[in-house]
Each structure stands twice: as structure tokens, then as C-alpha cells.
């Protein structure tokens, strides 16, 4: 058995949610608002990546002799 670490998808969803929330409150055609939204979304991604638990999946290893097809 082999254990593989899997990253969570939740930081990407939280980053997308940041863009949606900021689009409701700021005008997205203004460059300063776009930069603020980009900076906050980068911060949200890295903070949520640091604190969210990464999962482990157990996978059976393939035997190289059995996986060959003649």
C-alpha cells in the first residue's frame, strides 16, 4: 500500500468566492479595484492553503510483472 497526499480544492473555491463577493461591492472596471481584488484573492488562497487539512489516499501498488501485456 502506498499513501499519496492530496491537496484540497477548497482554496480555489474560496478564491473564486472572493472575486464574486468583491464584484458585488466594487466596480470591476476600475484598475485599483481589480488590483485590490487580486491582492485579497492571493492572500485568501495562501492563507486557506496553509490552514486547510491535506488528505491522504491509500493506493495499491501495481506489480510490474502483472501489468505487462503480451
N, C-alpha and C. Protein backbone atom coordinates (compact mmCIF):
# COMPACT_ATOMS: atom_id res chain seq x y z
N UNK A 1 0.83 -1.17 0.00
CA UNK A 1 0.00 0.00 0.00
C UNK A 1 0.88 1.25 0.00
N UNK A 2 0.45 2.22 -0.73
CA UNK A 2 1.19 3.46 -0.87
C UNK A 2 0.27 4.61 -0.51
N UNK A 3 0.76 5.56 0.29
CA UNK A 3 -0.05 6.72 0.68
C UNK A 3 0.35 7.92 -0.17
N UNK A 4 -0.65 8.59 -0.73
CA UNK A 4 -0.43 9.76 -1.56
C UNK A 4 -1.14 10.94 -0.90
N UNK A 5 -0.43 12.08 -0.77
CA UNK A 5 -1.04 13.28 -0.21
C UNK A 5 -1.78 14.03 -1.31
N UNK A 6 -3.00 14.44 -1.00
CA UNK A 6 -3.86 15.12 -1.96
C UNK A 6 -4.18 16.52 -1.42
N UNK A 7 -4.00 17.54 -2.27
CA UNK A 7 -4.32 18.90 -1.86
C UNK A 7 -5.83 19.12 -1.90
N UNK A 8 -6.28 20.03 -1.06
CA UNK A 8 -7.69 20.38 -1.03
C UNK A 8 -8.04 21.33 -2.17
N UNK A 9 -9.27 21.26 -2.64
CA UNK A 9 -9.74 22.14 -3.70
C UNK A 9 -10.37 23.41 -3.12
N UNK A 10 -10.61 23.40 -1.83
CA UNK A 10 -11.31 24.50 -1.17
C UNK A 10 -10.61 25.86 -1.32
N UNK A 11 -9.27 25.96 -1.30
CA UNK A 11 -8.65 27.28 -1.52
C UNK A 11 -9.00 27.90 -2.88
N UNK A 12 -9.14 27.08 -3.89
CA UNK A 12 -9.51 27.60 -5.22
C UNK A 12 -10.95 28.11 -5.19
N UNK A 13 -11.85 27.38 -4.53
CA UNK A 13 -13.24 27.81 -4.41
C UNK A 13 -13.35 29.09 -3.60
N UNK A 14 -12.58 29.21 -2.53
CA UNK A 14 -12.61 30.43 -1.72
C UNK A 14 -12.07 31.62 -2.49
N UNK A 15 -11.07 31.40 -3.34
CA UNK A 15 -10.54 32.47 -4.18
C UNK A 15 -11.60 32.94 -5.18
N UNK A 16 -12.31 32.01 -5.78
CA UNK A 16 -13.39 32.37 -6.71
C UNK A 16 -14.51 33.10 -5.99
N UNK A 17 -14.83 32.67 -4.78
CA UNK A 17 -15.85 33.34 -3.99
C UNK A 17 -15.43 34.77 -3.65
N UNK A 18 -14.14 34.99 -3.42
CA UNK A 18 -13.62 36.33 -3.16
C UNK A 18 -13.91 37.25 -4.35
N UNK A 19 -13.68 36.76 -5.56
CA UNK A 19 -13.94 37.56 -6.75
C UNK A 19 -15.43 37.88 -6.89
N UNK A 20 -16.28 36.93 -6.58
CA UNK A 20 -17.72 37.16 -6.69
C UNK A 20 -18.19 38.18 -5.67
N UNK A 21 -17.71 38.07 -4.44
CA UNK A 21 -18.12 39.00 -3.38
C UNK A 21 -17.61 40.40 -3.69
N UNK A 22 -16.37 40.53 -4.12
CA UNK A 22 -15.82 41.84 -4.42
C UNK A 22 -16.49 42.45 -5.65
N UNK A 23 -16.96 41.62 -6.58
CA UNK A 23 -17.65 42.14 -7.76
C UNK A 23 -19.00 42.77 -7.38
N UNK A 24 -19.61 42.30 -6.30
CA UNK A 24 -20.86 42.89 -5.84
C UNK A 24 -20.64 44.28 -5.24
N UNK A 25 -19.49 44.49 -4.58
CA UNK A 25 -19.29 45.72 -3.83
C UNK A 25 -18.39 46.74 -4.52
N UNK A 26 -17.55 46.32 -5.44
CA UNK A 26 -16.64 47.24 -6.12
C UNK A 26 -16.92 47.25 -7.61
N UNK A 27 -16.57 48.35 -8.25
CA UNK A 27 -16.72 48.40 -9.71
C UNK A 27 -15.48 47.79 -10.35
N UNK A 28 -15.68 46.73 -11.10
CA UNK A 28 -14.55 45.97 -11.62
C UNK A 28 -13.90 46.61 -12.85
N UNK A 29 -14.42 47.70 -13.34
CA UNK A 29 -13.79 48.38 -14.47
C UNK A 29 -12.73 49.37 -14.01
N UNK A 30 -12.58 49.54 -12.72
CA UNK A 30 -11.57 50.43 -12.16
C UNK A 30 -10.32 49.59 -11.83
N UNK A 31 -9.15 50.03 -12.31
CA UNK A 31 -7.92 49.25 -12.12
C UNK A 31 -7.55 49.07 -10.64
N UNK A 32 -7.78 50.08 -9.85
CA UNK A 32 -7.43 49.95 -8.43
C UNK A 32 -8.28 48.89 -7.75
N UNK A 33 -9.56 48.79 -8.13
CA UNK A 33 -10.43 47.76 -7.56
C UNK A 33 -10.01 46.36 -8.02
N UNK A 34 -9.57 46.27 -9.27
CA UNK A 34 -9.07 44.98 -9.75
C UNK A 34 -7.82 44.55 -9.00
N UNK A 35 -6.92 45.50 -8.75
CA UNK A 35 -5.69 45.18 -8.01
C UNK A 35 -5.99 44.80 -6.57
N UNK A 36 -6.93 45.50 -5.95
CA UNK A 36 -7.31 45.16 -4.58
C UNK A 36 -7.90 43.75 -4.53
N UNK A 37 -8.78 43.44 -5.48
CA UNK A 37 -9.40 42.12 -5.52
C UNK A 37 -8.37 41.03 -5.78
N UNK A 38 -7.43 41.29 -6.66
CA UNK A 38 -6.38 40.32 -6.95
C UNK A 38 -5.50 40.09 -5.72
N UNK A 39 -5.14 41.15 -5.02
CA UNK A 39 -4.29 41.02 -3.83
C UNK A 39 -5.01 40.25 -2.73
N UNK A 40 -6.27 40.55 -2.53
CA UNK A 40 -7.03 39.86 -1.48
C UNK A 40 -7.23 38.39 -1.86
N UNK A 41 -7.48 38.11 -3.13
CA UNK A 41 -7.69 36.72 -3.53
C UNK A 41 -6.41 35.90 -3.41
N UNK A 42 -5.26 36.49 -3.69
CA UNK A 42 -3.98 35.79 -3.49
C UNK A 42 -3.77 35.50 -2.00
N UNK A 43 -4.08 36.48 -1.16
CA UNK A 43 -3.95 36.28 0.28
C UNK A 43 -4.89 35.20 0.78
N UNK A 44 -6.12 35.21 0.30
CA UNK A 44 -7.09 34.19 0.70
C UNK A 44 -6.61 32.80 0.28
N UNK A 45 -6.05 32.69 -0.92
CA UNK A 45 -5.57 31.39 -1.39
C UNK A 45 -4.45 30.86 -0.51
N UNK A 46 -3.45 31.69 -0.23
CA UNK A 46 -2.31 31.20 0.54
C UNK A 46 -2.67 30.95 2.01
N UNK A 47 -3.51 31.78 2.58
CA UNK A 47 -3.91 31.56 3.97
C UNK A 47 -4.76 30.30 4.09
N UNK A 48 -5.70 30.11 3.18
CA UNK A 48 -6.54 28.91 3.25
C UNK A 48 -5.74 27.65 2.91
N UNK A 49 -4.74 27.77 2.05
CA UNK A 49 -3.89 26.60 1.75
C UNK A 49 -3.06 26.20 2.96
N UNK A 50 -2.65 27.18 3.75
CA UNK A 50 -1.82 26.88 4.91
C UNK A 50 -2.62 26.22 6.03
N UNK A 51 -3.90 26.59 6.17
CA UNK A 51 -4.66 26.11 7.31
C UNK A 51 -5.56 24.92 7.03
N UNK A 52 -5.85 24.65 5.78
CA UNK A 52 -6.72 23.51 5.48
C UNK A 52 -5.94 22.21 5.52
N UNK A 53 -6.63 21.17 5.96
CA UNK A 53 -6.00 19.86 6.12
C UNK A 53 -5.88 19.20 4.75
N UNK A 54 -4.71 18.66 4.49
CA UNK A 54 -4.49 17.93 3.25
C UNK A 54 -4.80 16.46 3.51
N UNK A 55 -5.45 15.84 2.56
CA UNK A 55 -5.88 14.46 2.74
C UNK A 55 -4.84 13.47 2.27
N UNK A 56 -5.00 12.24 2.72
CA UNK A 56 -4.14 11.14 2.28
C UNK A 56 -5.02 10.05 1.69
N UNK A 57 -4.57 9.51 0.58
CA UNK A 57 -5.29 8.43 -0.09
C UNK A 57 -4.37 7.23 -0.14
N UNK A 58 -4.90 6.06 0.22
CA UNK A 58 -4.13 4.84 0.17
C UNK A 58 -4.40 4.14 -1.16
N UNK A 59 -3.32 3.84 -1.89
CA UNK A 59 -3.44 3.23 -3.21
C UNK A 59 -2.61 1.97 -3.22
N UNK A 60 -3.14 0.94 -3.88
CA UNK A 60 -2.38 -0.28 -4.02
C UNK A 60 -1.33 -0.09 -5.11
N UNK A 61 -0.14 -0.60 -4.87
CA UNK A 61 0.93 -0.51 -5.86
C UNK A 61 0.72 -1.59 -6.91
N UNK A 62 0.97 -1.22 -8.17
CA UNK A 62 0.84 -2.20 -9.24
C UNK A 62 2.11 -3.02 -9.32
N UNK A 63 1.95 -4.30 -9.55
CA UNK A 63 3.09 -5.17 -9.74
C UNK A 63 3.50 -5.07 -11.20
N UNK A 64 4.75 -4.74 -11.46
CA UNK A 64 5.21 -4.51 -12.84
C UNK A 64 5.13 -5.78 -13.69
N UNK A 65 5.26 -6.95 -13.07
CA UNK A 65 5.19 -8.19 -13.84
C UNK A 65 3.76 -8.47 -14.29
N UNK A 66 2.78 -8.14 -13.48
CA UNK A 66 1.40 -8.41 -13.82
C UNK A 66 0.83 -7.37 -14.78
N UNK A 67 1.37 -6.16 -14.77
CA UNK A 67 0.79 -5.10 -15.59
C UNK A 67 1.26 -5.14 -17.04
N UNK A 68 2.28 -5.94 -17.33
CA UNK A 68 2.74 -6.06 -18.72
C UNK A 68 1.79 -6.92 -19.53
N UNK A 69 1.48 -6.45 -20.73
CA UNK A 69 0.58 -7.19 -21.60
C UNK A 69 1.38 -7.72 -22.78
N UNK A 70 1.23 -9.03 -23.06
CA UNK A 70 1.98 -9.63 -24.16
C UNK A 70 1.11 -9.79 -25.36
